[in-house]
Amino acid sequence: MPNASGTSRYIIRTVHEGPVLAAFIAGIRTNPAVRLLEAIGPQQQPHTAVVETDAATAEQLRQSFSTSNQLMIEPDSPLSLFDRQAAL
């Protein structure tokens, strides 16, 4: 769900182990449209990043990732132990 600035949180993760996410993170540090919120995993080789960006930029990233098949992006959503509908 977009916040007041029109951005949302997204998860970016590696498809296969390797330094590709670390290189992506280094590249987005100069991109004002994408804000790194958290990198998860070893500092030199993280496997997951949480970023904040607008839907159009997220779609551009998704399209660029689909050609390389090295990274994936998806909306960040809260995790729950149980499905709310099943609990009702």
N, C-alpha and C. Protein backbone atom coordinates (compact mmCIF):
# COMPACT_ATOMS: atom_id res chain seq x y z
N MET A 1 0.84 -1.17 0.00
CA MET A 1 0.00 0.00 0.00
C MET A 1 0.90 1.24 0.00
N PRO A 2 0.67 2.17 -0.95
CA PRO A 2 1.49 3.37 -1.02
C PRO A 2 1.33 4.24 0.22
N ASN A 3 2.42 4.90 0.60
CA ASN A 3 2.34 5.83 1.73
C ASN A 3 2.01 7.23 1.19
N ALA A 4 2.07 8.24 2.02
CA ALA A 4 1.68 9.60 1.64
C ALA A 4 2.54 10.16 0.51
N SER A 5 3.76 9.70 0.38
CA SER A 5 4.64 10.20 -0.68
C SER A 5 4.46 9.44 -1.99
N GLY A 6 3.54 8.46 -2.02
CA GLY A 6 3.29 7.70 -3.24
C GLY A 6 4.25 6.55 -3.46
N THR A 7 5.03 6.24 -2.45
CA THR A 7 5.96 5.12 -2.55
C THR A 7 5.48 3.95 -1.70
N SER A 8 6.01 2.78 -2.01
CA SER A 8 5.72 1.57 -1.26
C SER A 8 7.02 0.83 -1.00
N ARG A 9 6.93 -0.14 -0.12
CA ARG A 9 8.09 -0.98 0.19
C ARG A 9 8.07 -2.21 -0.71
N TYR A 10 9.27 -2.60 -1.17
CA TYR A 10 9.43 -3.77 -2.03
C TYR A 10 10.59 -4.60 -1.51
N ILE A 11 10.49 -5.89 -1.74
CA ILE A 11 11.56 -6.83 -1.42
C ILE A 11 12.27 -7.17 -2.72
N ILE A 12 13.58 -7.07 -2.72
CA ILE A 12 14.39 -7.49 -3.85
C ILE A 12 15.28 -8.60 -3.34
N ARG A 13 15.27 -9.73 -4.04
CA ARG A 13 16.09 -10.85 -3.58
C ARG A 13 16.80 -11.52 -4.75
N THR A 14 17.85 -12.22 -4.41
CA THR A 14 18.62 -12.91 -5.44
C THR A 14 17.94 -14.21 -5.83
N VAL A 15 18.07 -14.58 -7.08
CA VAL A 15 17.56 -15.86 -7.56
C VAL A 15 18.57 -16.95 -7.23
N HIS A 16 19.84 -16.65 -7.43
CA HIS A 16 20.93 -17.58 -7.13
C HIS A 16 21.95 -16.86 -6.27
N GLU A 17 22.68 -17.58 -5.47
CA GLU A 17 23.69 -16.96 -4.63
C GLU A 17 24.74 -16.28 -5.49
N GLY A 18 25.27 -15.19 -4.99
CA GLY A 18 26.30 -14.47 -5.71
C GLY A 18 26.29 -13.00 -5.33
N PRO A 19 27.21 -12.23 -5.90
CA PRO A 19 27.37 -10.83 -5.52
C PRO A 19 26.43 -9.86 -6.25
N VAL A 20 25.47 -10.36 -7.02
CA VAL A 20 24.66 -9.49 -7.86
C VAL A 20 23.83 -8.49 -7.05
N LEU A 21 23.30 -8.87 -5.90
CA LEU A 21 22.51 -7.94 -5.11
C LEU A 21 23.39 -6.84 -4.52
N ALA A 22 24.58 -7.19 -4.08
CA ALA A 22 25.50 -6.17 -3.55
C ALA A 22 25.82 -5.14 -4.63
N ALA A 23 26.01 -5.57 -5.86
CA ALA A 23 26.27 -4.65 -6.96
C ALA A 23 25.05 -3.77 -7.23
N PHE A 24 23.85 -4.36 -7.17
CA PHE A 24 22.63 -3.59 -7.37
C PHE A 24 22.49 -2.53 -6.28
N ILE A 25 22.73 -2.91 -5.02
CA ILE A 25 22.64 -1.96 -3.90
C ILE A 25 23.63 -0.82 -4.08
N ALA A 26 24.83 -1.12 -4.50
CA ALA A 26 25.83 -0.07 -4.73
C ALA A 26 25.35 0.89 -5.82
N GLY A 27 24.68 0.37 -6.83
CA GLY A 27 24.19 1.20 -7.93
C GLY A 27 23.02 2.08 -7.56
N ILE A 28 22.15 1.62 -6.66
CA ILE A 28 20.96 2.42 -6.34
C ILE A 28 21.26 3.52 -5.34
N ARG A 29 22.40 3.49 -4.72
CA ARG A 29 22.72 4.54 -3.74
C ARG A 29 22.71 5.93 -4.38
N THR A 30 22.90 6.01 -5.68
CA THR A 30 22.89 7.30 -6.38
C THR A 30 21.56 7.55 -7.08
N ASN A 31 20.60 6.64 -6.95
CA ASN A 31 19.31 6.77 -7.59
C ASN A 31 18.30 7.33 -6.59
N PRO A 32 17.87 8.58 -6.75
CA PRO A 32 16.95 9.16 -5.77
C PRO A 32 15.55 8.54 -5.80
N ALA A 33 15.23 7.77 -6.84
CA ALA A 33 13.90 7.15 -6.94
C ALA A 33 13.79 5.88 -6.11
N VAL A 34 14.92 5.34 -5.66
CA VAL A 34 14.93 4.09 -4.89
C VAL A 34 15.70 4.33 -3.60
N ARG A 35 15.06 4.06 -2.47
CA ARG A 35 15.71 4.25 -1.17
C ARG A 35 15.89 2.90 -0.50
N LEU A 36 17.13 2.55 -0.20
CA LEU A 36 17.43 1.30 0.50
C LEU A 36 17.04 1.45 1.96
N LEU A 37 16.17 0.54 2.43
CA LEU A 37 15.76 0.55 3.84
C LEU A 37 16.56 -0.45 4.65
N GLU A 38 16.86 -1.60 4.04
CA GLU A 38 17.59 -2.63 4.77
C GLU A 38 18.18 -3.64 3.80
N ALA A 39 19.39 -4.10 4.10
CA ALA A 39 20.02 -5.20 3.37
C ALA A 39 20.13 -6.36 4.35
N ILE A 40 19.72 -7.54 3.91
CA ILE A 40 19.69 -8.71 4.78
C ILE A 40 20.67 -9.75 4.26
N GLY A 41 21.50 -10.25 5.14
CA GLY A 41 22.50 -11.25 4.78
C GLY A 41 23.89 -10.71 5.06
N PRO A 42 24.91 -11.48 4.68
CA PRO A 42 26.28 -11.02 4.90
C PRO A 42 26.53 -9.68 4.21
N GLN A 43 27.31 -8.81 4.83
CA GLN A 43 27.52 -7.45 4.31
C GLN A 43 28.06 -7.47 2.88
N GLN A 44 28.97 -8.34 2.57
CA GLN A 44 29.57 -8.38 1.24
C GLN A 44 28.70 -9.11 0.21
N GLN A 45 27.72 -9.89 0.69
CA GLN A 45 26.90 -10.67 -0.22
C GLN A 45 25.47 -10.83 0.33
N PRO A 46 24.72 -9.72 0.45
CA PRO A 46 23.35 -9.84 0.96
C PRO A 46 22.48 -10.63 -0.01
N HIS A 47 21.44 -11.26 0.51
CA HIS A 47 20.54 -12.04 -0.33
C HIS A 47 19.19 -11.35 -0.53
N THR A 48 18.89 -10.35 0.31
CA THR A 48 17.59 -9.68 0.25
C THR A 48 17.78 -8.20 0.59
N ALA A 49 17.03 -7.36 -0.11
CA ALA A 49 17.03 -5.93 0.20
C ALA A 49 15.58 -5.46 0.31
N VAL A 50 15.35 -4.55 1.23
CA VAL A 50 14.05 -3.90 1.36
C VAL A 50 14.25 -2.46 0.89
N VAL A 51 13.48 -2.08 -0.12
CA VAL A 51 13.61 -0.74 -0.68
C VAL A 51 12.26 -0.04 -0.67
N GLU A 52 12.31 1.27 -0.83
CA GLU A 52 11.10 2.06 -0.96
C GLU A 52 11.19 2.80 -2.29
N THR A 53 10.14 2.68 -3.10
CA THR A 53 10.11 3.34 -4.40
C THR A 53 8.67 3.44 -4.87
N ASP A 54 8.46 4.12 -5.99
CA ASP A 54 7.12 4.23 -6.54
C ASP A 54 6.84 3.02 -7.45
N ALA A 55 5.57 2.83 -7.77
CA ALA A 55 5.15 1.65 -8.55
C ALA A 55 5.79 1.63 -9.94
N ALA A 56 5.93 2.77 -10.57
CA ALA A 56 6.51 2.81 -11.92
C ALA A 56 7.98 2.36 -11.90
N THR A 57 8.73 2.84 -10.92
CA THR A 57 10.13 2.43 -10.81
C THR A 57 10.23 0.95 -10.47
N ALA A 58 9.37 0.46 -9.60
CA ALA A 58 9.36 -0.97 -9.26
C ALA A 58 9.09 -1.80 -10.51
N GLU A 59 8.18 -1.35 -11.35
CA GLU A 59 7.88 -2.07 -12.59
C GLU A 59 9.08 -2.05 -13.53
N GLN A 60 9.77 -0.93 -13.63
CA GLN A 60 10.97 -0.86 -14.46
C GLN A 60 12.03 -1.83 -13.95
N LEU A 61 12.19 -1.90 -12.63
CA LEU A 61 13.14 -2.86 -12.06
C LEU A 61 12.72 -4.29 -12.37
N ARG A 62 11.43 -4.59 -12.21
CA ARG A 62 10.94 -5.94 -12.50
C ARG A 62 11.26 -6.34 -13.92
N GLN A 63 11.03 -5.43 -14.86
CA GLN A 63 11.30 -5.73 -16.26
C GLN A 63 12.79 -5.94 -16.52
N SER A 64 13.63 -5.11 -15.91
CA SER A 64 15.08 -5.30 -16.10
C SER A 64 15.56 -6.58 -15.44
N PHE A 65 14.98 -6.94 -14.30
CA PHE A 65 15.37 -8.19 -13.63
C PHE A 65 14.94 -9.41 -14.44
N SER A 66 13.81 -9.33 -15.13
CA SER A 66 13.30 -10.50 -15.86
C SER A 66 14.22 -10.88 -17.01
N THR A 67 14.95 -9.93 -17.58
CA THR A 67 15.85 -10.26 -18.68
C THR A 67 17.13 -10.92 -18.19
N SER A 68 17.58 -10.57 -16.98
CA SER A 68 18.82 -11.16 -16.46
C SER A 68 18.57 -12.41 -15.63
N ASN A 69 17.36 -12.55 -15.07
CA ASN A 69 16.99 -13.68 -14.23
C ASN A 69 17.95 -13.87 -13.04
N GLN A 70 18.42 -12.74 -12.47
CA GLN A 70 19.30 -12.82 -11.32
C GLN A 70 18.67 -12.25 -10.06
N LEU A 71 17.73 -11.30 -10.22
CA LEU A 71 17.06 -10.68 -9.09
C LEU A 71 15.55 -10.74 -9.30
N MET A 72 14.82 -10.69 -8.19
CA MET A 72 13.36 -10.66 -8.23
C MET A 72 12.89 -9.52 -7.33
N ILE A 73 11.77 -8.90 -7.70
CA ILE A 73 11.18 -7.85 -6.88
C ILE A 73 9.72 -8.17 -6.65
N GLU A 74 9.25 -7.90 -5.44
CA GLU A 74 7.85 -8.11 -5.11
C GLU A 74 7.46 -7.11 -4.02
N PRO A 75 6.18 -6.77 -3.95
CA PRO A 75 5.74 -5.86 -2.89
C PRO A 75 6.00 -6.48 -1.52
N ASP A 76 6.41 -5.65 -0.59
CA ASP A 76 6.61 -6.09 0.78
C ASP A 76 5.25 -6.10 1.47
N SER A 77 4.95 -7.17 2.14
CA SER A 77 3.68 -7.23 2.88
C SER A 77 3.94 -7.86 4.23
N PRO A 78 3.15 -7.47 5.22
CA PRO A 78 3.35 -8.02 6.57
C PRO A 78 3.17 -9.54 6.58
N LEU A 79 3.97 -10.19 7.34
CA LEU A 79 3.85 -11.63 7.51
C LEU A 79 2.94 -11.93 8.69
N SER A 80 2.19 -13.00 8.57
CA SER A 80 1.38 -13.43 9.71
C SER A 80 1.50 -14.94 9.82
N LEU A 81 1.39 -15.40 11.03
CA LEU A 81 1.50 -16.83 11.27
C LEU A 81 0.28 -17.57 10.74
N PHE A 82 -0.86 -16.94 10.80
CA PHE A 82 -2.09 -17.57 10.37
C PHE A 82 -2.80 -16.70 9.35
N ASP A 83 -3.53 -17.34 8.45
CA ASP A 83 -4.35 -16.62 7.50
C ASP A 83 -5.53 -16.03 8.26
N ARG A 84 -5.76 -14.73 8.12
CA ARG A 84 -6.85 -14.08 8.88
C ARG A 84 -8.21 -14.71 8.58
N GLN A 85 -8.47 -15.10 7.34
CA GLN A 85 -9.75 -15.67 6.98
C GLN A 85 -9.94 -17.04 7.68
N ALA A 86 -8.87 -17.78 7.77
CA ALA A 86 -8.99 -19.10 8.41
C ALA A 86 -9.28 -18.96 9.89
N ALA A 87 -8.81 -17.88 10.50
CA ALA A 87 -9.01 -17.68 11.93
C ALA A 87 -10.43 -17.21 12.25
N LEU A 88 -11.13 -16.67 11.26
CA LEU A 88 -12.47 -16.15 11.52
C LEU A 88 -13.52 -17.20 11.54
